[in-house]
C-alpha atoms as a PDB file:
ATOM      1  CA  MET A   1      -5.361   1.996  15.609  1.00  0.00           C
ATOM      2  CA  ALA A   2      -5.139   5.212  16.436  1.00  0.00           C
ATOM      3  CA  ALA A   3      -6.103   6.785  12.855  1.00  0.00           C
ATOM      4  CA  GLN A   4      -9.317   4.538  13.469  1.00  0.00           C
ATOM      5  CA  ALA A   5      -9.961   6.030  16.392  1.00  0.00           C
ATOM      6  CA  ASN A   6     -10.323   9.209  14.803  1.00  0.00           C
ATOM      7  CA  PRO A   7     -10.932   8.912  11.274  1.00  0.00           C
ATOM      8  CA  ALA A   8      -9.900  12.493  10.305  1.00  0.00           C
ATOM      9  CA  ALA A   9      -6.492  11.720  11.119  1.00  0.00           C
ATOM     10  CA  GLY A  10      -6.287   9.578   8.179  1.00  0.00           C
ATOM     11  CA  PRO A  11      -5.492   5.839   6.951  1.00  0.00           C
ATOM     12  CA  TYR A  12      -1.772   5.900   7.965  1.00  0.00           C
ATOM     13  CA  ASP A  13      -1.006   5.166  11.558  1.00  0.00           C
ATOM     14  CA  GLU A  14       2.087   7.813  12.101  1.00  0.00           C
ATOM     15  CA  SER A  15       2.915   6.122  15.350  1.00  0.00           C
ATOM     16  CA  ALA A  16       2.682   2.646  13.896  1.00  0.00           C
ATOM     17  CA  ASP A  17       6.180   0.238  13.845  1.00  0.00           C
ATOM     18  CA  ALA A  18       6.182  -0.207   9.853  1.00  0.00           C
ATOM     19  CA  GLN A  19       8.804  -2.883  10.454  1.00  0.00           C
ATOM     20  CA  ALA A  20       7.199  -4.905  12.825  1.00  0.00           C
ATOM     21  CA  ASP A  21       3.764  -4.261  10.730  1.00  0.00           C
ATOM     22  CA  ILE A  22       5.336  -5.872   7.535  1.00  0.00           C
ATOM     23  CA  ARG A  23       6.811  -8.793   9.963  1.00  0.00           C
ATOM     24  CA  SER A  24       3.218  -9.433  11.371  1.00  0.00           C
ATOM     25  CA  ALA A  25       1.701  -9.174   7.688  1.00  0.00           C
ATOM     26  CA  LEU A  26       4.278 -11.837   6.047  1.00  0.00           C
ATOM     27  CA  LEU A  27       3.268 -14.134   8.661  1.00  0.00           C
ATOM     28  CA  ASP A  28      -0.248 -13.354   8.141  1.00  0.00           C
ATOM     29  CA  ALA A  29       0.046 -14.134   4.465  1.00  0.00           C
ATOM     30  CA  GLN A  30       2.074 -17.021   4.590  1.00  0.00           C
ATOM     31  CA  ARG A  31      -0.982 -19.264   6.795  1.00  0.00           C
ATOM     32  CA  HIS A  32      -3.370 -17.725   4.647  1.00  0.00           C
ATOM     33  CA  LYS A  33      -1.187 -18.181   0.878  1.00  0.00           C
ATOM     34  CA  LYS A  34      -1.283 -14.135   0.064  1.00  0.00           C
ATOM     35  CA  GLN A  35       0.971 -11.784  -1.105  1.00  0.00           C
ATOM     36  CA  VAL A  36       1.414  -9.016   1.162  1.00  0.00           C
ATOM     37  CA  LEU A  37       1.066  -5.608  -0.462  1.00  0.00           C
ATOM     38  CA  VAL A  38       2.755  -2.718   0.963  1.00  0.00           C
ATOM     39  CA  VAL A  39       1.575   0.554   0.586  1.00  0.00           C
ATOM     40  CA  PHE A  40       3.326   3.539   0.982  1.00  0.00           C
ATOM     41  CA  GLY A  41       1.725   6.947   1.652  1.00  0.00           C
ATOM     42  CA  ALA A  42       0.930   9.864   4.039  1.00  0.00           C
ATOM     43  CA  ASN A  43      -2.368  11.286   5.720  1.00  0.00           C
ATOM     44  CA  TRP A  44      -2.151  14.665   3.673  1.00  0.00           C
ATOM     45  CA  CYS A  45      -2.305  13.004   0.432  1.00  0.00           C
ATOM     46  CA  GLY A  46      -5.386  12.934  -1.384  1.00  0.00           C
ATOM     47  CA  ASP A  47      -4.622  10.308  -3.798  1.00  0.00           C
ATOM     48  CA  CYS A  48      -3.520   7.867  -1.006  1.00  0.00           C
ATOM     49  CA  LYS A  49      -7.131   8.643   0.875  1.00  0.00           C
ATOM     50  CA  MET A  50      -8.535   7.664  -2.230  1.00  0.00           C
ATOM     51  CA  LEU A  51      -6.261   4.618  -2.876  1.00  0.00           C
ATOM     52  CA  ASP A  52      -7.037   3.301   0.661  1.00  0.00           C
ATOM     53  CA  ALA A  53     -11.172   4.020  -0.189  1.00  0.00           C
ATOM     54  CA  SER A  54     -10.820   1.699  -3.038  1.00  0.00           C
ATOM     55  CA  PHE A  55      -9.277  -0.818  -1.412  1.00  0.00           C
ATOM     56  CA  LYS A  56     -11.921  -1.223   1.107  1.00  0.00           C
ATOM     57  CA  SER A  57     -15.114  -0.143  -1.183  1.00  0.00           C
ATOM     58  CA  GLY A  58     -14.103   0.120  -4.768  1.00  0.00           C
ATOM     59  CA  ALA A  59     -13.944  -2.524  -7.374  1.00  0.00           C
ATOM     60  CA  VAL A  60     -10.479  -3.369  -6.421  1.00  0.00           C
ATOM     61  CA  ALA A  61     -11.395  -4.229  -3.099  1.00  0.00           C
ATOM     62  CA  PRO A  62     -12.749  -7.985  -3.601  1.00  0.00           C
ATOM     63  CA  LEU A  63      -8.914  -8.358  -5.513  1.00  0.00           C
ATOM     64  CA  ILE A  64      -7.136  -6.972  -2.950  1.00  0.00           C
ATOM     65  CA  GLN A  65      -9.078  -8.786  -0.080  1.00  0.00           C
ATOM     66  CA  GLN A  66      -8.462 -12.099  -1.534  1.00  0.00           C
ATOM     67  CA  ARG A  67      -4.935 -12.176  -2.604  1.00  0.00           C
ATOM     68  CA  TYR A  68      -2.997  -9.490  -0.283  1.00  0.00           C
ATOM     69  CA  GLN A  69      -2.177  -8.712   3.679  1.00  0.00           C
ATOM     70  CA  VAL A  70      -2.315  -4.974   3.523  1.00  0.00           C
ATOM     71  CA  VAL A  71       0.560  -2.357   5.199  1.00  0.00           C
ATOM     72  CA  LYS A  72       0.029   1.035   5.165  1.00  0.00           C
ATOM     73  CA  VAL A  73       3.676   2.442   5.715  1.00  0.00           C
ATOM     74  CA  ASN A  74       3.538   6.173   6.889  1.00  0.00           C
ATOM     75  CA  VAL A  75       6.037   8.382   4.685  1.00  0.00           C
ATOM     76  CA  GLY A  76       5.233  11.294   6.387  1.00  0.00           C
ATOM     77  CA  ARG A  77       6.852  14.594   4.456  1.00  0.00           C
ATOM     78  CA  PHE A  78       9.097  11.980   2.657  1.00  0.00           C
ATOM     79  CA  ASN A  79      11.169  11.912   6.518  1.00  0.00           C
ATOM     80  CA  VAL A  80      10.119   8.608   7.741  1.00  0.00           C
ATOM     81  CA  ASN A  81      10.126   5.176   6.266  1.00  0.00           C
ATOM     82  CA  VAL A  82      12.046   5.945   3.255  1.00  0.00           C
ATOM     83  CA  ASP A  83      14.489   3.371   4.204  1.00  0.00           C
ATOM     84  CA  ILE A  84      11.844   0.408   3.690  1.00  0.00           C
ATOM     85  CA  ALA A  85      10.915   2.058   0.374  1.00  0.00           C
ATOM     86  CA  GLU A  86      14.344   1.850  -0.866  1.00  0.00           C
ATOM     87  CA  ARG A  87      14.772  -1.625   0.463  1.00  0.00           C
ATOM     88  CA  TYR A  88      11.814  -2.917  -1.598  1.00  0.00           C
ATOM     89  CA  GLY A  89      12.718  -0.925  -4.913  1.00  0.00           C
ATOM     90  CA  VAL A  90      10.046   1.589  -4.485  1.00  0.00           C
ATOM     91  CA  PRO A  91      11.254   5.339  -5.522  1.00  0.00           C
ATOM     92  CA  LEU A  92       9.358   7.610  -3.295  1.00  0.00           C
ATOM     93  CA  LYS A  93      10.293  10.799  -5.043  1.00  0.00           C
ATOM     94  CA  LYS A  94       8.181   9.380  -8.119  1.00  0.00           C
ATOM     95  CA  GLY A  95       5.122   9.982  -6.250  1.00  0.00           C
ATOM     96  CA  ILE A  96       2.711   8.653  -3.519  1.00  0.00           C
ATOM     97  CA  PRO A  97       0.888   6.540  -2.626  1.00  0.00           C
ATOM     98  CA  ALA A  98       2.887   3.790  -3.912  1.00  0.00           C
ATOM     99  CA  VAL A  99       3.258  -0.097  -3.318  1.00  0.00           C
ATOM    100  CA  ALA A 100       5.617  -2.821  -3.307  1.00  0.00           C
ATOM    101  CA  VAL A 101       4.259  -6.474  -3.703  1.00  0.00           C
ATOM    102  CA  LEU A 102       5.965  -9.247  -1.697  1.00  0.00           C
ATOM    103  CA  ASN A 103       6.132 -12.872  -1.643  1.00  0.00           C
ATOM    104  CA  ALA A 104       6.323 -15.018   1.128  1.00  0.00           C
ATOM    105  CA  LYS A 105      10.097 -14.434   1.749  1.00  0.00           C
ATOM    106  CA  GLY A 106       9.606 -10.843   1.974  1.00  0.00           C
ATOM    107  CA  GLU A 107      11.194 -10.026  -1.395  1.00  0.00           C
ATOM    108  CA  ALA A 108       9.827  -7.542  -3.425  1.00  0.00           C
ATOM    109  CA  VAL A 109       8.134  -9.457  -6.884  1.00  0.00           C
ATOM    110  CA  HIS A 110       5.944  -6.044  -8.014  1.00  0.00           C
ATOM    111  CA  ALA A 111       6.679  -2.479  -7.275  1.00  0.00           C
ATOM    112  CA  THR A 112       5.455   0.747  -8.504  1.00  0.00           C
ATOM    113  CA  GLN A 113       8.534   2.586 -10.052  1.00  0.00           C
ATOM    114  CA  GLY A 114       7.223   5.743 -11.565  1.00  0.00           C
ATOM    115  CA  GLY A 115       4.293   7.346  -9.851  1.00  0.00           C
ATOM    116  CA  GLU A 116       2.335   4.740 -11.521  1.00  0.00           C
ATOM    117  CA  LEU A 117      -0.716   5.689  -8.673  1.00  0.00           C
ATOM    118  CA  ALA A 118       0.263   9.445  -7.731  1.00  0.00           C
ATOM    119  CA  ASP A 119      -2.590  10.271  -9.889  1.00  0.00           C
ATOM    120  CA  ALA A 120      -5.196   8.334  -8.051  1.00  0.00           C
ATOM    121  CA  ARG A 121      -8.066  10.403  -8.082  1.00  0.00           C
ATOM    122  CA  LYS A 122      -7.483  10.711 -11.649  1.00  0.00           C
ATOM    123  CA  MET A 123      -7.606   6.928 -12.338  1.00  0.00           C
ATOM    124  CA  GLY A 124     -10.636   6.790 -10.457  1.00  0.00           C
ATOM    125  CA  ASP A 125     -11.603   3.529  -9.170  1.00  0.00           C
ATOM    126  CA  ALA A 126     -12.000   1.933 -12.442  1.00  0.00           C
ATOM    127  CA  GLY A 127      -8.540   2.960 -13.399  1.00  0.00           C
ATOM    128  CA  VAL A 128      -6.956   1.732 -10.106  1.00  0.00           C
ATOM    129  CA  ALA A 129      -8.713  -1.978 -10.584  1.00  0.00           C
ATOM    130  CA  ALA A 130      -6.970  -1.939 -13.837  1.00  0.00           C
ATOM    131  CA  TYR A 131      -3.712  -1.261 -12.245  1.00  0.00           C
ATOM    132  CA  PHE A 132      -4.062  -4.186 -10.013  1.00  0.00           C
ATOM    133  CA  GLU A 133      -5.627  -6.322 -12.101  1.00  0.00           C
ATOM    134  CA  GLN A 134      -2.701  -6.809 -14.295  1.00  0.00           C
ATOM    135  CA  TRP A 135      -0.615  -8.093 -11.629  1.00  0.00           C
ATOM    136  CA  ALA A 136      -2.990 -10.256 -10.525  1.00  0.00           C
ATOM    137  CA  LYS A 137      -2.721 -12.255 -14.056  1.00  0.00           C
ATOM    138  CA  PRO A 138      -0.604 -15.460 -13.896  1.00  0.00           C
END
């Protein structure tokens, strides 16, 4: 919530309990028959901010809203919540933003492996949309 109260702070709540947020999102996702999209990033990261903006109002926004409960997990300077990324098979050293898609059981069914979104600004809105649309296919 603090991040929303001060927009300059960025999209990642640095005081959030990421584990609790993921548990809550899993419950909501089960109720609404969605998957959980865990987005690892940091407020200093321009590509993370661009991805967040795309999720809210870009070409990919309708797909994200329809299919996922989104949880943003702050990784600081790669010194917080790294264990969560490792649990879901997301190698943060390859770059952020990085994502994992969890099924209703909390198991990772997709995850970035090679920094695929680390150049989100260069990918642009259309590139970000194309990346997530490939996962949405049955």
